[in-house]
Protein backbone atom coordinates (compact mmCIF):
# COMPACT_ATOMS: atom_id res chain seq x y z
CA MET A 1 -113.98 67.42 220.98
CA ARG A 2 -111.04 66.58 218.74
CA ASN A 3 -112.72 68.32 215.76
CA LEU A 4 -113.44 71.41 217.86
CA LEU A 5 -109.82 71.52 218.97
CA LEU A 6 -108.56 71.22 215.40
CA VAL A 7 -110.87 74.03 214.25
CA LEU A 8 -109.67 76.23 217.13
CA ILE A 9 -106.03 75.57 216.27
CA ALA A 10 -106.62 76.25 212.57
CA PHE A 11 -108.35 79.52 213.47
CA LEU A 12 -105.50 80.59 215.75
CA PHE A 13 -102.88 79.75 213.14
CA SER A 14 -104.75 81.56 210.35
CA PHE A 15 -105.31 84.58 212.61
CA SER A 16 -101.62 84.55 213.50
CA LEU A 17 -100.58 84.57 209.87
CA GLN A 18 -102.22 87.98 209.42
CA ALA A 19 -100.10 89.60 212.13
CA GLN A 20 -97.12 91.74 211.08
CA ASP A 21 -94.84 90.74 213.94
CA LEU A 22 -95.40 87.03 213.56
CA THR A 23 -92.30 84.85 213.77
CA PHE A 24 -91.96 81.11 213.51
CA GLY A 25 -89.27 78.74 214.62
CA LEU A 26 -88.05 75.22 215.16
CA ARG A 27 -87.45 73.65 218.56
CA GLY A 28 -86.18 70.32 219.84
CA GLY A 29 -84.19 68.51 222.46
CA PRO A 30 -84.24 65.76 225.07
CA SER A 31 -87.28 64.86 227.18
CA PHE A 32 -87.19 63.23 230.59
CA THR A 33 -90.43 61.33 231.08
CA THR A 34 -92.16 59.11 233.60
CA PHE A 35 -95.64 58.27 234.82
CA GLY A 36 -97.32 59.78 237.86
CA GLY A 37 -100.49 59.06 239.74
CA GLU A 38 -101.42 56.43 242.28
CA GLU A 39 -100.87 53.52 239.90
CA GLY A 40 -98.58 55.15 237.34
CA GLY A 41 -95.97 56.35 239.82
CA ASP A 42 -95.53 52.94 241.45
CA GLY A 43 -92.05 51.77 240.39
CA SER A 44 -91.84 54.17 237.45
CA GLU A 45 -88.46 55.70 236.68
CA PHE A 46 -87.54 58.54 234.34
CA LYS A 47 -86.46 57.63 230.84
CA VAL A 48 -84.87 59.82 228.18
CA GLY A 49 -86.78 60.61 225.00
CA PHE A 50 -86.87 63.49 222.54
CA HIS A 51 -89.14 66.15 221.08
CA LEU A 52 -88.95 68.04 217.79
CA GLY A 53 -91.29 70.53 216.15
CA GLY A 54 -92.18 74.07 215.28
CA TYR A 55 -93.85 77.08 216.82
CA LEU A 56 -95.38 80.46 216.00
CA ASN A 57 -94.86 83.57 218.11
CA LEU A 58 -97.56 86.23 218.05
CA PRO A 59 -96.98 89.35 220.20
CA LEU A 60 -100.09 90.39 222.15
CA SER A 61 -98.41 93.32 223.91
CA GLU A 62 -94.88 94.57 224.61
CA THR A 63 -94.30 91.84 227.20
CA LEU A 64 -96.87 89.13 226.41
CA GLN A 65 -96.85 86.72 223.45
CA PHE A 66 -99.01 83.80 222.35
CA GLU A 67 -96.91 80.85 221.24
CA PRO A 68 -98.79 77.89 219.73
CA GLY A 69 -96.77 74.99 218.42
CA ILE A 70 -96.77 71.45 217.15
CA GLN A 71 -94.20 68.78 217.94
CA PHE A 72 -93.61 65.07 218.03
CA ALA A 73 -92.56 63.86 221.48
CA THR A 74 -91.70 60.48 222.95
CA LYS A 75 -93.11 59.82 226.41
CA GLY A 76 -93.30 56.87 228.74
CA SER A 77 -91.44 55.28 231.61
CA LYS A 78 -89.15 52.46 232.58
CA GLY A 79 -88.87 50.14 235.55
CA THR A 80 -86.81 47.18 236.72
CA ASP A 81 -88.04 44.13 238.59
CA ALA A 82 -85.96 41.01 239.35
CA GLY A 83 -83.36 41.95 236.72
CA THR A 84 -85.91 42.50 233.95
CA THR A 85 -86.24 46.01 232.56
CA THR A 86 -89.52 47.16 231.06
CA SER A 87 -89.66 50.37 229.02
CA ILE A 88 -92.76 52.03 227.61
CA ARG A 89 -92.22 54.37 224.64
CA ASN A 90 -95.30 56.26 223.44
CA GLY A 91 -95.11 58.77 220.59
CA TYR A 92 -97.41 61.80 220.81
CA LEU A 93 -98.28 64.75 218.62
CA ASP A 94 -98.19 67.63 221.13
CA ILE A 95 -99.92 70.96 220.51
CA PRO A 96 -98.63 73.41 223.13
CA LEU A 97 -100.76 76.56 223.47
CA LEU A 98 -98.57 78.82 225.59
CA LEU A 99 -98.49 82.37 226.85
CA LYS A 100 -94.97 83.78 227.05
CA TYR A 101 -94.10 86.68 229.33
CA GLN A 102 -90.86 88.53 228.67
CA GLY A 103 -90.04 91.68 230.60
CA ALA A 104 -86.83 93.64 230.18
CA GLY A 105 -83.85 91.44 229.43
CA ASN A 106 -83.59 88.02 227.85
CA PHE A 107 -85.34 85.90 230.50
CA PHE A 108 -88.92 84.69 229.85
CA ILE A 109 -91.55 82.50 231.52
CA LEU A 110 -94.16 80.25 229.89
CA ALA A 111 -97.53 78.84 230.94
CA GLY A 112 -100.41 77.21 229.13
CA ALA A 113 -102.17 74.03 228.13
CA GLN A 114 -101.26 71.19 225.81
CA PRO A 115 -103.53 68.66 224.14
CA SER A 116 -101.68 65.60 222.81
CA PHE A 117 -102.63 62.77 220.46
CA LEU A 118 -101.14 59.28 220.65
CA MET A 119 -99.37 58.38 217.39
CA SER A 120 -97.40 55.24 218.29
CA SER A 121 -96.62 52.91 221.16
CA ALA A 122 -93.98 50.32 221.97
CA LEU A 123 -93.17 48.08 224.93
CA ILE A 124 -89.56 46.93 225.32
CA VAL A 125 -88.77 44.12 227.75
CA GLY A 126 -85.17 43.14 228.38
CA ASN A 127 -82.96 41.01 230.58
CA GLY A 128 -79.26 41.63 230.00
CA ASP A 129 -78.55 41.54 226.26
CA ASN A 130 -81.89 39.93 225.40
CA LYS A 131 -84.62 42.41 224.42
CA VAL A 132 -88.07 41.99 222.95
CA THR A 133 -90.03 44.87 221.42
CA VAL A 134 -93.79 44.77 220.97
CA ASP A 135 -95.39 47.64 219.06
CA GLY A 136 -98.30 48.51 216.82
CA ASN A 137 -101.93 47.86 217.72
CA ASP A 138 -100.95 45.35 220.41
CA THR A 139 -99.53 48.12 222.60
CA ARG A 140 -101.55 51.11 221.31
CA GLU A 141 -104.71 49.54 222.68
CA LEU A 142 -103.25 49.84 226.20
CA TRP A 143 -103.34 53.67 225.99
CA LYS A 144 -105.99 56.30 225.45
CA GLY A 145 -105.73 58.27 222.22
CA THR A 146 -105.54 61.71 223.83
CA ASP A 147 -103.83 63.45 226.72
CA PHE A 148 -104.12 66.93 228.19
CA ALA A 149 -101.45 68.67 230.26
CA ALA A 150 -100.73 71.92 232.07
CA VAL A 151 -97.37 73.39 231.03
CA VAL A 152 -95.06 75.79 232.90
CA GLY A 153 -91.50 76.77 232.13
CA PHE A 154 -88.85 79.38 231.67
CA GLY A 155 -86.14 80.23 229.18
CA PHE A 156 -83.50 82.59 227.95
CA ASN A 157 -82.96 84.30 224.59
CA LEU A 158 -79.36 83.67 223.53
CA GLY A 159 -79.14 86.15 220.65
CA SER A 160 -79.07 85.48 216.89
CA GLN A 161 -82.74 84.38 217.19
CA MET A 162 -81.65 81.38 219.33
CA ASN A 163 -83.29 80.44 222.63
CA ILE A 164 -83.10 77.77 225.29
CA GLN A 165 -86.00 76.76 227.53
CA THR A 166 -87.13 74.10 229.93
CA THR A 167 -90.75 73.14 230.53
CA TYR A 168 -92.61 70.82 232.86
CA GLU A 169 -95.76 69.09 231.58
CA HIS A 170 -98.14 67.82 234.23
CA GLY A 171 -100.61 65.40 232.65
CA LEU A 172 -104.18 65.97 233.84
CA ALA A 173 -105.86 63.10 231.97
CA ASN A 174 -105.50 59.41 232.75
CA VAL A 175 -103.69 57.91 229.73
CA SER A 176 -104.19 54.21 230.57
CA GLU A 177 -107.08 52.13 229.24
CA PHE A 178 -106.72 49.65 232.14
CA SER A 179 -105.91 51.82 235.17
CA ASP A 180 -107.58 54.81 236.76
CA SER A 181 -104.54 56.90 237.64
CA VAL A 182 -101.65 56.89 235.15
CA TYR A 183 -100.54 60.38 234.11
CA ASN A 184 -97.69 61.63 231.93
CA ARG A 185 -94.99 63.69 233.69
CA ILE A 186 -92.41 65.30 231.40
CA PHE A 187 -89.48 67.69 231.64
CA LYS A 188 -88.31 69.05 228.27
CA LEU A 189 -85.07 70.87 227.57
CA SER A 190 -85.29 72.68 224.23
CA ILE A 191 -83.06 74.62 221.91
CA GLY A 192 -85.00 76.86 219.51
CA LYS A 193 -84.29 78.98 216.47
CA SER A 194 -86.70 81.71 215.32
CA PHE A 195 -86.91 82.94 211.72
C-alpha cells in the first residue's frame, strides 16, 4: 500500500508540474495535538508541537484547487499523574491531499485526506526539574508506522501571496501497537507563502 501511495503522489506531482497556473509554497506553524479514542483519550491532554513543509496548488476550476503537500509534524500527547508528567512526541511525515474551495473574496475552505509516516518517537517523563527522555527504537516500536486522517479547515488570503489557515486532523487509524483505540487528534495553525 505504501508503494502504491508513493506512485500516486509522484504521478500527481508530475502531472501538476505540467500545469501553467501551478504555484508552490511553504507553510508552517504550531500544532496542538492529543490522542483520542477509547484508550487514547483517557487522561490525554493537548501538547504544543510544530509543523513545517511545502505545498503545490493546482487550479481545477475558477473556485476549486487541488493542494497536495508534504510536511514534517510533531504529534503526541501529555498527561500528569501523581506529580509525574509524561509526554509523547512522535514525528511524522504528513502528505496532505486537499481540495481547496475559494469563492469570491479571500476566504477559503479545505477538505481532504492525509496519509502520514512515523519518522521518530520520544517519551519524556518528568517530575519537577528531573526529566528522562527515551527515544529511538525503544519508543518507535510502541507505534505503528503509518497513520491516516481526514482533514478539514479554513483560511484567509492576506495578500502578497501570504495566507493563514487552521486545520483539524481526525486520525482514522489506530496508531498504537499495544492498544486498539489510540488515534491522533491535531489542530494546526499555519502561515503560508506562495511563490
